[in-house]
């Protein structure tokens, strides 16, 4: 696991449910997200996910990207790539 983000940091949000038709059939991501709450002592954060064309979703209790992402991994956040 990497460093836990703090409130106000930008992360990427990925959600495999989007591909299944939720939220107007949008893809899995990445989507820009702002950390709105970081739970003390927990690997989860709450996010404001910025969907293209103005929609903003509140997504709660999102965990960091697992070491290996599989089809059962519903949603997660990850640090944006550098460079």
PDB file of N, CA and C in Angstrom:
ATOM      1  N   UNK A   1       0.821  -1.186   0.000  1.00  0.00           N
ATOM      2  CA  UNK A   1       0.000   0.000   0.000  1.00  0.00           C
ATOM      3  C   UNK A   1       0.864   1.250   0.000  1.00  0.00           C
ATOM      4  N   UNK A   2       0.412   2.261  -0.680  1.00  0.00           N
ATOM      5  CA  UNK A   2       1.128   3.539  -0.697  1.00  0.00           C
ATOM      6  C   UNK A   2       0.618   4.425   0.433  1.00  0.00           C
ATOM      7  N   UNK A   3       1.139   5.632   0.495  1.00  0.00           N
ATOM      8  CA  UNK A   3       0.665   6.583   1.495  1.00  0.00           C
ATOM      9  C   UNK A   3      -0.819   6.842   1.310  1.00  0.00           C
ATOM     10  N   UNK A   4      -1.515   6.996   2.420  1.00  0.00           N
ATOM     11  CA  UNK A   4      -2.948   7.280   2.374  1.00  0.00           C
ATOM     12  C   UNK A   4      -3.167   8.744   1.998  1.00  0.00           C
ATOM     13  N   UNK A   5      -4.091   9.019   1.103  1.00  0.00           N
ATOM     14  CA  UNK A   5      -4.327  10.412   0.721  1.00  0.00           C
ATOM     15  C   UNK A   5      -5.028  11.174   1.847  1.00  0.00           C
ATOM     16  N   UNK A   6      -4.848  12.466   1.837  1.00  0.00           N
ATOM     17  CA  UNK A   6      -5.518  13.332   2.797  1.00  0.00           C
ATOM     18  C   UNK A   6      -6.625  14.101   2.084  1.00  0.00           C
ATOM     19  N   UNK A   7      -7.494  14.714   2.866  1.00  0.00           N
ATOM     20  CA  UNK A   7      -8.623  15.472   2.317  1.00  0.00           C
ATOM     21  C   UNK A   7      -8.106  16.538   1.355  1.00  0.00           C
ATOM     22  N   UNK A   8      -8.738  16.600   0.191  1.00  0.00           N
ATOM     23  CA  UNK A   8      -8.377  17.584  -0.819  1.00  0.00           C
ATOM     24  C   UNK A   8      -7.438  17.062  -1.890  1.00  0.00           C
ATOM     25  N   UNK A   9      -6.838  15.905  -1.670  1.00  0.00           N
ATOM     26  CA  UNK A   9      -5.929  15.341  -2.678  1.00  0.00           C
ATOM     27  C   UNK A   9      -6.708  14.776  -3.857  1.00  0.00           C
ATOM     28  N   UNK A  10      -6.076  14.796  -5.014  1.00  0.00           N
ATOM     29  CA  UNK A  10      -6.679  14.252  -6.232  1.00  0.00           C
ATOM     30  C   UNK A  10      -6.166  12.829  -6.438  1.00  0.00           C
ATOM     31  N   UNK A  11      -7.086  11.919  -6.709  1.00  0.00           N
ATOM     32  CA  UNK A  11      -6.749  10.527  -7.008  1.00  0.00           C
ATOM     33  C   UNK A  11      -7.532  10.103  -8.246  1.00  0.00           C
ATOM     34  N   UNK A  12      -7.236   8.931  -8.752  1.00  0.00           N
ATOM     35  CA  UNK A  12      -8.030   8.344  -9.833  1.00  0.00           C
ATOM     36  C   UNK A  12      -8.994   7.341  -9.221  1.00  0.00           C
ATOM     37  N   UNK A  13     -10.203   7.303  -9.770  1.00  0.00           N
ATOM     38  CA  UNK A  13     -11.233   6.367  -9.322  1.00  0.00           C
ATOM     39  C   UNK A  13     -11.572   5.429 -10.471  1.00  0.00           C
ATOM     40  N   UNK A  14     -11.634   4.135 -10.167  1.00  0.00           N
ATOM     41  CA  UNK A  14     -11.991   3.109 -11.144  1.00  0.00           C
ATOM     42  C   UNK A  14     -13.191   2.340 -10.606  1.00  0.00           C
ATOM     43  N   UNK A  15     -14.181   2.081 -11.467  1.00  0.00           N
ATOM     44  CA  UNK A  15     -15.361   1.333 -11.035  1.00  0.00           C
ATOM     45  C   UNK A  15     -15.823   0.406 -12.151  1.00  0.00           C
ATOM     46  N   UNK A  16     -15.743  -0.883 -11.902  1.00  0.00           N
ATOM     47  CA  UNK A  16     -16.159  -1.862 -12.900  1.00  0.00           C
ATOM     48  C   UNK A  16     -17.671  -1.887 -13.079  1.00  0.00           C
ATOM     49  N   UNK A  17     -18.428  -1.391 -12.097  1.00  0.00           N
ATOM     50  CA  UNK A  17     -19.881  -1.317 -12.248  1.00  0.00           C
ATOM     51  C   UNK A  17     -20.296  -0.345 -13.340  1.00  0.00           C
ATOM     52  N   UNK A  18     -19.482   0.678 -13.623  1.00  0.00           N
ATOM     53  CA  UNK A  18     -19.820   1.621 -14.683  1.00  0.00           C
ATOM     54  C   UNK A  18     -19.973   0.890 -16.014  1.00  0.00           C
ATOM     55  N   UNK A  19     -19.111  -0.075 -16.271  1.00  0.00           N
ATOM     56  CA  UNK A  19     -19.154  -0.808 -17.533  1.00  0.00           C
ATOM     57  C   UNK A  19     -20.421  -1.642 -17.641  1.00  0.00           C
ATOM     58  N   UNK A  20     -21.027  -1.975 -16.511  1.00  0.00           N
ATOM     59  CA  UNK A  20     -22.232  -2.805 -16.515  1.00  0.00           C
ATOM     60  C   UNK A  20     -23.493  -1.994 -16.790  1.00  0.00           C
ATOM     61  N   UNK A  21     -23.349  -0.708 -17.027  1.00  0.00           N
ATOM     62  CA  UNK A  21     -24.504   0.099 -17.384  1.00  0.00           C
ATOM     63  C   UNK A  21     -24.895   1.140 -16.361  1.00  0.00           C
ATOM     64  N   UNK A  22     -24.266   1.138 -15.200  1.00  0.00           N
ATOM     65  CA  UNK A  22     -24.552   2.181 -14.224  1.00  0.00           C
ATOM     66  C   UNK A  22     -24.010   3.509 -14.737  1.00  0.00           C
ATOM     67  N   UNK A  23     -24.587   4.594 -14.281  1.00  0.00           N
ATOM     68  CA  UNK A  23     -24.117   5.943 -14.608  1.00  0.00           C
ATOM     69  C   UNK A  23     -23.992   6.155 -16.116  1.00  0.00           C
ATOM     70  N   UNK A  24     -25.051   5.877 -16.823  1.00  0.00           N
ATOM     71  CA  UNK A  24     -25.141   6.101 -18.268  1.00  0.00           C
ATOM     72  C   UNK A  24     -24.139   5.283 -19.077  1.00  0.00           C
ATOM     73  N   UNK A  25     -23.761   4.116 -18.575  1.00  0.00           N
ATOM     74  CA  UNK A  25     -22.903   3.215 -19.339  1.00  0.00           C
ATOM     75  C   UNK A  25     -21.475   3.678 -19.499  1.00  0.00           C
ATOM     76  N   UNK A  26     -20.980   4.523 -18.609  1.00  0.00           N
ATOM     77  CA  UNK A  26     -19.612   5.006 -18.722  1.00  0.00           C
ATOM     78  C   UNK A  26     -18.636   3.871 -18.449  1.00  0.00           C
ATOM     79  N   UNK A  27     -17.416   4.018 -18.926  1.00  0.00           N
ATOM     80  CA  UNK A  27     -16.393   2.995 -18.753  1.00  0.00           C
ATOM     81  C   UNK A  27     -15.876   2.917 -17.333  1.00  0.00           C
ATOM     82  N   UNK A  28     -14.875   2.080 -17.125  1.00  0.00           N
ATOM     83  CA  UNK A  28     -14.360   1.821 -15.787  1.00  0.00           C
ATOM     84  C   UNK A  28     -13.482   2.943 -15.250  1.00  0.00           C
ATOM     85  N   UNK A  29     -13.005   3.828 -16.078  1.00  0.00           N
ATOM     86  CA  UNK A  29     -12.165   4.924 -15.613  1.00  0.00           C
ATOM     87  C   UNK A  29     -10.803   4.885 -16.272  1.00  0.00           C
ATOM     88  N   UNK A  30      -9.917   5.718 -15.839  1.00  0.00           N
ATOM     89  CA  UNK A  30      -9.941   6.448 -14.583  1.00  0.00           C
ATOM     90  C   UNK A  30     -10.767   7.721 -14.659  1.00  0.00           C
ATOM     91  N   UNK A  31     -11.325   8.096 -13.498  1.00  0.00           N
ATOM     92  CA  UNK A  31     -12.031   9.349 -13.325  1.00  0.00           C
ATOM     93  C   UNK A  31     -11.312  10.157 -12.251  1.00  0.00           C
ATOM     94  N   UNK A  32     -11.207  11.449 -12.449  1.00  0.00           N
ATOM     95  CA  UNK A  32     -10.612  12.315 -11.430  1.00  0.00           C
ATOM     96  C   UNK A  32     -11.537  12.319 -10.217  1.00  0.00           C
ATOM     97  N   UNK A  33     -10.935  12.275  -9.037  1.00  0.00           N
ATOM     98  CA  UNK A  33     -11.715  12.289  -7.800  1.00  0.00           C
ATOM     99  C   UNK A  33     -10.968  13.088  -6.743  1.00  0.00           C
ATOM    100  N   UNK A  34     -11.724  13.750  -5.906  1.00  0.00           N
ATOM    101  CA  UNK A  34     -11.161  14.517  -4.794  1.00  0.00           C
ATOM    102  C   UNK A  34     -11.520  13.780  -3.510  1.00  0.00           C
ATOM    103  N   UNK A  35     -10.524  13.588  -2.660  1.00  0.00           N
ATOM    104  CA  UNK A  35     -10.766  12.932  -1.374  1.00  0.00           C
ATOM    105  C   UNK A  35     -11.545  13.904  -0.494  1.00  0.00           C
ATOM    106  N   UNK A  36     -12.751  13.498  -0.085  1.00  0.00           N
ATOM    107  CA  UNK A  36     -13.586  14.362   0.752  1.00  0.00           C
ATOM    108  C   UNK A  36     -13.536  13.967   2.222  1.00  0.00           C
ATOM    109  N   UNK A  37     -13.106  12.733   2.499  1.00  0.00           N
ATOM    110  CA  UNK A  37     -12.946  12.292   3.882  1.00  0.00           C
ATOM    111  C   UNK A  37     -11.995  11.108   3.909  1.00  0.00           C
ATOM    112  N   UNK A  38     -11.073  11.135   4.862  1.00  0.00           N
ATOM    113  CA  UNK A  38     -10.145  10.024   5.075  1.00  0.00           C
ATOM    114  C   UNK A  38     -10.446   9.452   6.452  1.00  0.00           C
ATOM    115  N   UNK A  39     -10.762   8.182   6.509  1.00  0.00           N
ATOM    116  CA  UNK A  39     -11.134   7.533   7.763  1.00  0.00           C
ATOM    117  C   UNK A  39      -9.888   7.165   8.562  1.00  0.00           C
ATOM    118  N   UNK A  40      -9.787   7.657   9.768  1.00  0.00           N
ATOM    119  CA  UNK A  40      -8.631   7.378  10.620  1.00  0.00           C
ATOM    120  C   UNK A  40      -8.588   5.879  10.961  1.00  0.00           C
ATOM    121  N   UNK A  41      -7.423   5.274  10.738  1.00  0.00           N
ATOM    122  CA  UNK A  41      -7.252   3.861  11.058  1.00  0.00           C
ATOM    123  C   UNK A  41      -7.941   2.910  10.098  1.00  0.00           C
ATOM    124  N   UNK A  42      -8.377   3.399   8.959  1.00  0.00           N
ATOM    125  CA  UNK A  42      -9.081   2.572   7.974  1.00  0.00           C
ATOM    126  C   UNK A  42      -8.442   2.762   6.600  1.00  0.00           C
ATOM    127  N   UNK A  43      -8.445   1.729   5.781  1.00  0.00           N
ATOM    128  CA  UNK A  43      -7.878   1.872   4.428  1.00  0.00           C
ATOM    129  C   UNK A  43      -8.834   2.538   3.435  1.00  0.00           C
ATOM    130  N   UNK A  44      -9.980   2.998   3.892  1.00  0.00           N
ATOM    131  CA  UNK A  44     -11.002   3.545   3.003  1.00  0.00           C
ATOM    132  C   UNK A  44     -11.044   5.077   3.046  1.00  0.00           C
ATOM    133  N   UNK A  45     -11.458   5.664   1.921  1.00  0.00           N
ATOM    134  CA  UNK A  45     -11.679   7.109   1.825  1.00  0.00           C
ATOM    135  C   UNK A  45     -13.031   7.348   1.156  1.00  0.00           C
ATOM    136  N   UNK A  46     -13.584   8.531   1.348  1.00  0.00           N
ATOM    137  CA  UNK A  46     -14.780   8.969   0.625  1.00  0.00           C
ATOM    138  C   UNK A  46     -14.326   9.919  -0.471  1.00  0.00           C
ATOM    139  N   UNK A  47     -15.002   9.841  -1.626  1.00  0.00           N
ATOM    140  CA  UNK A  47     -14.572  10.611  -2.789  1.00  0.00           C
ATOM    141  C   UNK A  47     -15.704  11.417  -3.410  1.00  0.00           C
ATOM    142  N   UNK A  48     -15.333  12.538  -4.032  1.00  0.00           N
ATOM    143  CA  UNK A  48     -16.196  13.274  -4.963  1.00  0.00           C
ATOM    144  C   UNK A  48     -15.633  12.941  -6.334  1.00  0.00           C
ATOM    145  N   UNK A  49     -16.350  12.148  -7.095  1.00  0.00           N
ATOM    146  CA  UNK A  49     -15.870  11.685  -8.393  1.00  0.00           C
ATOM    147  C   UNK A  49     -16.416  12.609  -9.477  1.00  0.00           C
ATOM    148  N   UNK A  50     -15.499  13.130 -10.289  1.00  0.00           N
ATOM    149  CA  UNK A  50     -15.858  14.084 -11.340  1.00  0.00           C
ATOM    150  C   UNK A  50     -16.079  13.337 -12.647  1.00  0.00           C
ATOM    151  N   UNK A  51     -17.331  13.226 -13.032  1.00  0.00           N
ATOM    152  CA  UNK A  51     -17.710  12.540 -14.267  1.00  0.00           C
ATOM    153  C   UNK A  51     -17.763  13.593 -15.378  1.00  0.00           C
ATOM    154  N   UNK A  52     -17.287  13.272 -16.578  1.00  0.00           N
ATOM    155  CA  UNK A  52     -17.318  14.257 -17.659  1.00  0.00           C
ATOM    156  C   UNK A  52     -18.714  14.855 -17.872  1.00  0.00           C
ATOM    157  N   UNK A  53     -18.736  16.088 -18.281  1.00  0.00           N
ATOM    158  CA  UNK A  53     -19.948  16.845 -18.597  1.00  0.00           C
ATOM    159  C   UNK A  53     -20.745  17.231 -17.363  1.00  0.00           C
ATOM    160  N   UNK A  54     -20.049  17.394 -16.212  1.00  0.00           N
ATOM    161  CA  UNK A  54     -20.666  18.054 -15.086  1.00  0.00           C
ATOM    162  C   UNK A  54     -21.204  17.220 -13.956  1.00  0.00           C
ATOM    163  N   UNK A  55     -21.371  15.923 -14.116  1.00  0.00           N
ATOM    164  CA  UNK A  55     -21.920  15.124 -13.029  1.00  0.00           C
ATOM    165  C   UNK A  55     -20.848  14.893 -11.959  1.00  0.00           C
ATOM    166  N   UNK A  56     -21.234  15.030 -10.699  1.00  0.00           N
ATOM    167  CA  UNK A  56     -20.330  14.761  -9.583  1.00  0.00           C
ATOM    168  C   UNK A  56     -20.994  13.709  -8.703  1.00  0.00           C
ATOM    169  N   UNK A  57     -20.279  12.612  -8.464  1.00  0.00           N
ATOM    170  CA  UNK A  57     -20.819  11.532  -7.647  1.00  0.00           C
ATOM    171  C   UNK A  57     -20.125  11.493  -6.297  1.00  0.00           C
ATOM    172  N   UNK A  58     -20.904  11.275  -5.238  1.00  0.00           N
ATOM    173  CA  UNK A  58     -20.343  11.035  -3.914  1.00  0.00           C
ATOM    174  C   UNK A  58     -20.241   9.526  -3.739  1.00  0.00           C
ATOM    175  N   UNK A  59     -19.020   9.040  -3.591  1.00  0.00           N
ATOM    176  CA  UNK A  59     -18.789   7.608  -3.430  1.00  0.00           C
ATOM    177  C   UNK A  59     -18.112   7.394  -2.084  1.00  0.00           C
ATOM    178  N   UNK A  60     -18.696   6.561  -1.245  1.00  0.00           N
ATOM    179  CA  UNK A  60     -18.162   6.340   0.091  1.00  0.00           C
ATOM    180  C   UNK A  60     -17.411   5.034   0.219  1.00  0.00           C
ATOM    181  N   UNK A  61     -16.499   5.015   1.154  1.00  0.00           N
ATOM    182  CA  UNK A  61     -15.749   3.812   1.537  1.00  0.00           C
ATOM    183  C   UNK A  61     -15.084   3.122   0.347  1.00  0.00           C
ATOM    184  N   UNK A  62     -14.190   3.852  -0.302  1.00  0.00           N
ATOM    185  CA  UNK A  62     -13.455   3.316  -1.451  1.00  0.00           C
ATOM    186  C   UNK A  62     -12.055   2.932  -0.976  1.00  0.00           C
ATOM    187  N   UNK A  63     -11.637   1.731  -1.314  1.00  0.00           N
ATOM    188  CA  UNK A  63     -10.311   1.271  -0.893  1.00  0.00           C
ATOM    189  C   UNK A  63      -9.271   1.551  -1.964  1.00  0.00           C
ATOM    190  N   UNK A  64      -8.020   1.475  -1.566  1.00  0.00           N
ATOM    191  CA  UNK A  64      -6.923   1.665  -2.503  1.00  0.00           C
ATOM    192  C   UNK A  64      -6.850   0.478  -3.462  1.00  0.00           C
ATOM    193  N   UNK A  65      -6.288   0.720  -4.637  1.00  0.00           N
ATOM    194  CA  UNK A  65      -6.145  -0.324  -5.650  1.00  0.00           C
ATOM    195  C   UNK A  65      -5.430  -1.537  -5.061  1.00  0.00           C
ATOM    196  N   UNK A  66      -6.016  -2.734  -5.220  1.00  0.00           N
ATOM    197  CA  UNK A  66      -5.350  -3.936  -4.747  1.00  0.00           C
ATOM    198  C   UNK A  66      -4.084  -4.205  -5.563  1.00  0.00           C
ATOM    199  N   UNK A  67      -3.184  -5.017  -5.024  1.00  0.00           N
ATOM    200  CA  UNK A  67      -1.936  -5.331  -5.722  1.00  0.00           C
ATOM    201  C   UNK A  67      -2.219  -5.892  -7.113  1.00  0.00           C
ATOM    202  N   UNK A  68      -3.182  -6.772  -7.208  1.00  0.00           N
ATOM    203  CA  UNK A  68      -3.606  -7.312  -8.504  1.00  0.00           C
ATOM    204  C   UNK A  68      -5.101  -7.104  -8.628  1.00  0.00           C
ATOM    205  N   UNK A  69      -5.509  -6.464  -9.705  1.00  0.00           N
ATOM    206  CA  UNK A  69      -6.924  -6.168  -9.918  1.00  0.00           C
ATOM    207  C   UNK A  69      -7.557  -7.327 -10.665  1.00  0.00           C
ATOM    208  N   UNK A  70      -8.657  -7.839 -10.131  1.00  0.00           N
ATOM    209  CA  UNK A  70      -9.377  -8.930 -10.770  1.00  0.00           C
ATOM    210  C   UNK A  70     -10.796  -8.530 -11.093  1.00  0.00           C
ATOM    211  N   UNK A  71     -11.547  -9.392 -11.753  1.00  0.00           N
ATOM    212  CA  UNK A  71     -12.907  -9.051 -12.157  1.00  0.00           C
ATOM    213  C   UNK A  71     -13.852  -8.817 -10.981  1.00  0.00           C
ATOM    214  N   UNK A  72     -13.507  -9.327  -9.799  1.00  0.00           N
ATOM    215  CA  UNK A  72     -14.385  -9.140  -8.646  1.00  0.00           C
ATOM    216  C   UNK A  72     -14.103  -7.829  -7.915  1.00  0.00           C
ATOM    217  N   UNK A  73     -13.066  -7.109  -8.319  1.00  0.00           N
ATOM    218  CA  UNK A  73     -12.743  -5.838  -7.676  1.00  0.00           C
ATOM    219  C   UNK A  73     -13.681  -4.770  -8.202  1.00  0.00           C
ATOM    220  N   UNK A  74     -14.657  -4.404  -7.369  1.00  0.00           N
ATOM    221  CA  UNK A  74     -15.699  -3.477  -7.781  1.00  0.00           C
ATOM    222  C   UNK A  74     -15.179  -2.084  -8.081  1.00  0.00           C
ATOM    223  N   UNK A  75     -14.635  -1.435  -7.075  1.00  0.00           N
ATOM    224  CA  UNK A  75     -14.137  -0.084  -7.277  1.00  0.00           C
ATOM    225  C   UNK A  75     -12.952   0.161  -6.358  1.00  0.00           C
ATOM    226  N   UNK A  76     -12.117   1.095  -6.751  1.00  0.00           N
ATOM    227  CA  UNK A  76     -10.937   1.419  -5.968  1.00  0.00           C
ATOM    228  C   UNK A  76     -10.377   2.756  -6.425  1.00  0.00           C
ATOM    229  N   UNK A  77      -9.486   3.319  -5.598  1.00  0.00           N
ATOM    230  CA  UNK A  77      -8.779   4.533  -5.982  1.00  0.00           C
ATOM    231  C   UNK A  77      -7.312   4.188  -6.181  1.00  0.00           C
ATOM    232  N   UNK A  78      -6.622   5.023  -6.959  1.00  0.00           N
ATOM    233  CA  UNK A  78      -5.184   4.863  -7.190  1.00  0.00           C
ATOM    234  C   UNK A  78      -4.579   6.242  -7.389  1.00  0.00           C
ATOM    235  N   UNK A  79      -3.304   6.361  -7.058  1.00  0.00           N
ATOM    236  CA  UNK A  79      -2.605   7.614  -7.327  1.00  0.00           C
ATOM    237  C   UNK A  79      -2.456   7.790  -8.835  1.00  0.00           C
ATOM    238  N   UNK A  80      -2.614   9.015  -9.360  1.00  0.00           N
ATOM    239  CA  UNK A  80      -2.372   9.250 -10.788  1.00  0.00           C
ATOM    240  C   UNK A  80      -0.896   8.997 -11.108  1.00  0.00           C
ATOM    241  N   UNK A  81      -0.609   8.556 -12.320  1.00  0.00           N
ATOM    242  CA  UNK A  81       0.806   8.363 -12.693  1.00  0.00           C
ATOM    243  C   UNK A  81       1.550   9.698 -12.733  1.00  0.00           C
ATOM    244  N   UNK A  82       2.789   9.654 -12.417  1.00  0.00           N
ATOM    245  CA  UNK A  82       3.647  10.847 -12.472  1.00  0.00           C
ATOM    246  C   UNK A  82       4.329  10.904 -13.833  1.00  0.00           C
ATOM    247  N   UNK A  83       4.598  12.117 -14.281  1.00  0.00           N
ATOM    248  CA  UNK A  83       5.402  12.251 -15.471  1.00  0.00           C
ATOM    249  C   UNK A  83       4.684  12.748 -16.618  1.00  0.00           C
TER     250      UNK A  83
END
